[in-house]
Amino acid sequence: MFEGLDLNNMGKMMEEMQAKARELQEKSKETILTAKGGGGMIQASANGAGEIVDISIDDSLMEDKESLQILLISTLNDLMKMVEDNKKSQAMGLLGGLNPFGTGQ
């Protein structure tokens, strides 16, 4: 079952993968993802690590607290989904196309 598997190289391969993962994690902080809501009235940006780096709110929403809250929640949820999708995409690249997340999306 494991014929031809060189266990001596396994440790080296794991070290290389860990180094690549650390490198990807650092690079992800440089990636900026942006989501818009309410036809662009709300705009939020996060880096690839999921840290919110900017929020822009149209002045017209400042007088309508309920609409502001709804649009802000929706936009931030969209942004967090983008961050997660980006992380999965990077992980897939790191694993060379193997899908540890299952077959569905």
C-alpha atoms as a PDB file:
ATOM      1  CA  MET A   1       0.000   0.000   0.000  1.00  0.00           C
ATOM      2  CA  PHE A   2       2.819   2.435   0.842  1.00  0.00           C
ATOM      3  CA  GLU A   3       5.399   1.019  -1.547  1.00  0.00           C
ATOM      4  CA  GLY A   4       7.705   3.644  -2.963  1.00  0.00           C
ATOM      5  CA  LEU A   5       6.842   6.139  -0.213  1.00  0.00           C
ATOM      6  CA  ASP A   6      10.062   7.646   1.091  1.00  0.00           C
ATOM      7  CA  LEU A   7       9.382   8.509   4.735  1.00  0.00           C
ATOM      8  CA  ASN A   8      12.738  10.284   4.987  1.00  0.00           C
ATOM      9  CA  ASN A   9      11.496  12.933   2.571  1.00  0.00           C
ATOM     10  CA  MET A  10       8.141  13.286   4.345  1.00  0.00           C
ATOM     11  CA  GLY A  11       9.566  15.490   7.121  1.00  0.00           C
ATOM     12  CA  LYS A  12      11.313  17.693   4.599  1.00  0.00           C
ATOM     13  CA  MET A  13       8.113  18.027   2.570  1.00  0.00           C
ATOM     14  CA  MET A  14       6.155  19.021   5.690  1.00  0.00           C
ATOM     15  CA  GLU A  15       8.755  21.661   6.585  1.00  0.00           C
ATOM     16  CA  GLU A  16       8.545  23.093   3.074  1.00  0.00           C
ATOM     17  CA  MET A  17       4.737  23.189   3.244  1.00  0.00           C
ATOM     18  CA  GLN A  18       4.860  24.947   6.630  1.00  0.00           C
ATOM     19  CA  ALA A  19       7.294  27.513   5.253  1.00  0.00           C
ATOM     20  CA  LYS A  20       5.030  28.109   2.238  1.00  0.00           C
ATOM     21  CA  ALA A  21       2.009  28.424   4.538  1.00  0.00           C
ATOM     22  CA  ARG A  22       3.791  31.065   6.646  1.00  0.00           C
ATOM     23  CA  GLU A  23       4.786  32.920   3.489  1.00  0.00           C
ATOM     24  CA  LEU A  24       1.194  32.838   2.205  1.00  0.00           C
ATOM     25  CA  GLN A  25      -0.069  34.088   5.550  1.00  0.00           C
ATOM     26  CA  GLU A  26       2.269  37.077   5.412  1.00  0.00           C
ATOM     27  CA  LYS A  27       1.403  37.779   1.763  1.00  0.00           C
ATOM     28  CA  SER A  28      -2.314  37.596   2.577  1.00  0.00           C
ATOM     29  CA  LYS A  29      -1.939  40.689   4.744  1.00  0.00           C
ATOM     30  CA  GLU A  30      -0.928  42.565   1.588  1.00  0.00           C
ATOM     31  CA  THR A  31      -4.053  41.436  -0.311  1.00  0.00           C
ATOM     32  CA  ILE A  32      -6.936  43.891  -0.010  1.00  0.00           C
ATOM     33  CA  LEU A  33     -10.484  42.705  -0.668  1.00  0.00           C
ATOM     34  CA  THR A  34     -13.385  45.160  -0.970  1.00  0.00           C
ATOM     35  CA  ALA A  35     -17.146  44.685  -0.758  1.00  0.00           C
ATOM     36  CA  LYS A  36     -19.820  47.269  -1.554  1.00  0.00           C
ATOM     37  CA  GLY A  37     -23.395  47.495  -0.367  1.00  0.00           C
ATOM     38  CA  GLY A  38     -26.405  49.677  -1.069  1.00  0.00           C
ATOM     39  CA  GLY A  39     -25.269  50.474  -4.583  1.00  0.00           C
ATOM     40  CA  GLY A  40     -21.886  51.628  -3.309  1.00  0.00           C
ATOM     41  CA  MET A  41     -23.215  53.659  -0.392  1.00  0.00           C
ATOM     42  CA  ILE A  42     -21.213  51.421   1.959  1.00  0.00           C
ATOM     43  CA  GLN A  43     -17.756  50.128   1.130  1.00  0.00           C
ATOM     44  CA  ALA A  44     -15.626  47.951   3.397  1.00  0.00           C
ATOM     45  CA  SER A  45     -12.134  46.590   2.842  1.00  0.00           C
ATOM     46  CA  ALA A  46     -10.191  43.874   4.625  1.00  0.00           C
ATOM     47  CA  ASN A  47      -6.823  42.301   4.118  1.00  0.00           C
ATOM     48  CA  GLY A  48      -6.486  38.612   3.290  1.00  0.00           C
ATOM     49  CA  ALA A  49      -6.012  37.834   6.984  1.00  0.00           C
ATOM     50  CA  GLY A  50      -9.528  39.130   7.681  1.00  0.00           C
ATOM     51  CA  GLU A  51      -8.568  42.392   9.354  1.00  0.00           C
ATOM     52  CA  ILE A  52     -10.898  45.286   8.450  1.00  0.00           C
ATOM     53  CA  VAL A  53      -8.693  48.048   7.050  1.00  0.00           C
ATOM     54  CA  ASP A  54     -11.242  50.596   5.778  1.00  0.00           C
ATOM     55  CA  ILE A  55     -14.933  51.443   5.888  1.00  0.00           C
ATOM     56  CA  SER A  56     -16.553  54.168   3.806  1.00  0.00           C
ATOM     57  CA  ILE A  57     -20.135  55.326   4.453  1.00  0.00           C
ATOM     58  CA  ASP A  58     -22.068  57.710   2.235  1.00  0.00           C
ATOM     59  CA  ASP A  59     -23.123  60.814   4.188  1.00  0.00           C
ATOM     60  CA  SER A  60     -26.776  60.312   3.239  1.00  0.00           C
ATOM     61  CA  LEU A  61     -26.906  57.184   5.438  1.00  0.00           C
ATOM     62  CA  MET A  62     -25.832  59.043   8.556  1.00  0.00           C
ATOM     63  CA  GLU A  63     -29.411  60.146   9.214  1.00  0.00           C
ATOM     64  CA  ASP A  64     -30.943  56.676   8.734  1.00  0.00           C
ATOM     65  CA  LYS A  65     -29.465  54.489  11.456  1.00  0.00           C
ATOM     66  CA  GLU A  66     -31.535  51.391  10.634  1.00  0.00           C
ATOM     67  CA  SER A  67     -30.593  51.387   6.944  1.00  0.00           C
ATOM     68  CA  LEU A  68     -26.964  52.045   7.859  1.00  0.00           C
ATOM     69  CA  GLN A  69     -26.919  49.071  10.212  1.00  0.00           C
ATOM     70  CA  ILE A  70     -28.546  46.725   7.689  1.00  0.00           C
ATOM     71  CA  LEU A  71     -26.229  47.754   4.862  1.00  0.00           C
ATOM     72  CA  LEU A  72     -23.152  47.621   7.073  1.00  0.00           C
ATOM     73  CA  ILE A  73     -23.950  44.116   8.341  1.00  0.00           C
ATOM     74  CA  SER A  74     -24.658  42.862   4.824  1.00  0.00           C
ATOM     75  CA  THR A  75     -21.504  44.417   3.398  1.00  0.00           C
ATOM     76  CA  LEU A  76     -19.290  43.088   6.191  1.00  0.00           C
ATOM     77  CA  ASN A  77     -20.792  39.599   5.789  1.00  0.00           C
ATOM     78  CA  ASP A  78     -20.045  39.721   2.054  1.00  0.00           C
ATOM     79  CA  LEU A  79     -16.516  40.874   2.806  1.00  0.00           C
ATOM     80  CA  MET A  80     -15.887  38.064   5.308  1.00  0.00           C
ATOM     81  CA  LYS A  81     -17.105  35.526   2.726  1.00  0.00           C
ATOM     82  CA  MET A  82     -14.629  36.985   0.237  1.00  0.00           C
ATOM     83  CA  VAL A  83     -11.836  36.634   2.822  1.00  0.00           C
ATOM     84  CA  GLU A  84     -12.765  32.985   3.485  1.00  0.00           C
ATOM     85  CA  ASP A  85     -12.953  32.195  -0.235  1.00  0.00           C
ATOM     86  CA  ASN A  86      -9.544  33.816  -0.701  1.00  0.00           C
ATOM     87  CA  LYS A  87      -8.072  31.717   2.124  1.00  0.00           C
ATOM     88  CA  LYS A  88      -9.506  28.522   0.631  1.00  0.00           C
ATOM     89  CA  SER A  89      -8.144  29.435  -2.778  1.00  0.00           C
ATOM     90  CA  GLN A  90      -4.678  30.000  -1.328  1.00  0.00           C
ATOM     91  CA  ALA A  91      -4.846  26.715   0.576  1.00  0.00           C
ATOM     92  CA  MET A  92      -5.835  24.877  -2.602  1.00  0.00           C
ATOM     93  CA  GLY A  93      -2.826  26.371  -4.363  1.00  0.00           C
ATOM     94  CA  LEU A  94      -0.590  25.345  -1.492  1.00  0.00           C
ATOM     95  CA  LEU A  95      -1.863  21.770  -1.571  1.00  0.00           C
ATOM     96  CA  GLY A  96      -1.402  21.507  -5.313  1.00  0.00           C
ATOM     97  CA  GLY A  97      -5.064  21.100  -6.139  1.00  0.00           C
ATOM     98  CA  LEU A  98      -6.000  18.582  -3.449  1.00  0.00           C
ATOM     99  CA  ASN A  99      -9.340  19.561  -1.930  1.00  0.00           C
ATOM    100  CA  PRO A 100      -9.378  19.105   1.856  1.00  0.00           C
ATOM    101  CA  PHE A 101     -12.654  21.060   2.059  1.00  0.00           C
ATOM    102  CA  GLY A 102     -14.783  18.428   0.321  1.00  0.00           C
ATOM    103  CA  THR A 103     -16.160  18.272  -3.175  1.00  0.00           C
ATOM    104  CA  GLY A 104     -18.941  20.858  -2.908  1.00  0.00           C
ATOM    105  CA  GLN A 105     -18.711  24.596  -2.576  1.00  0.00           C
END
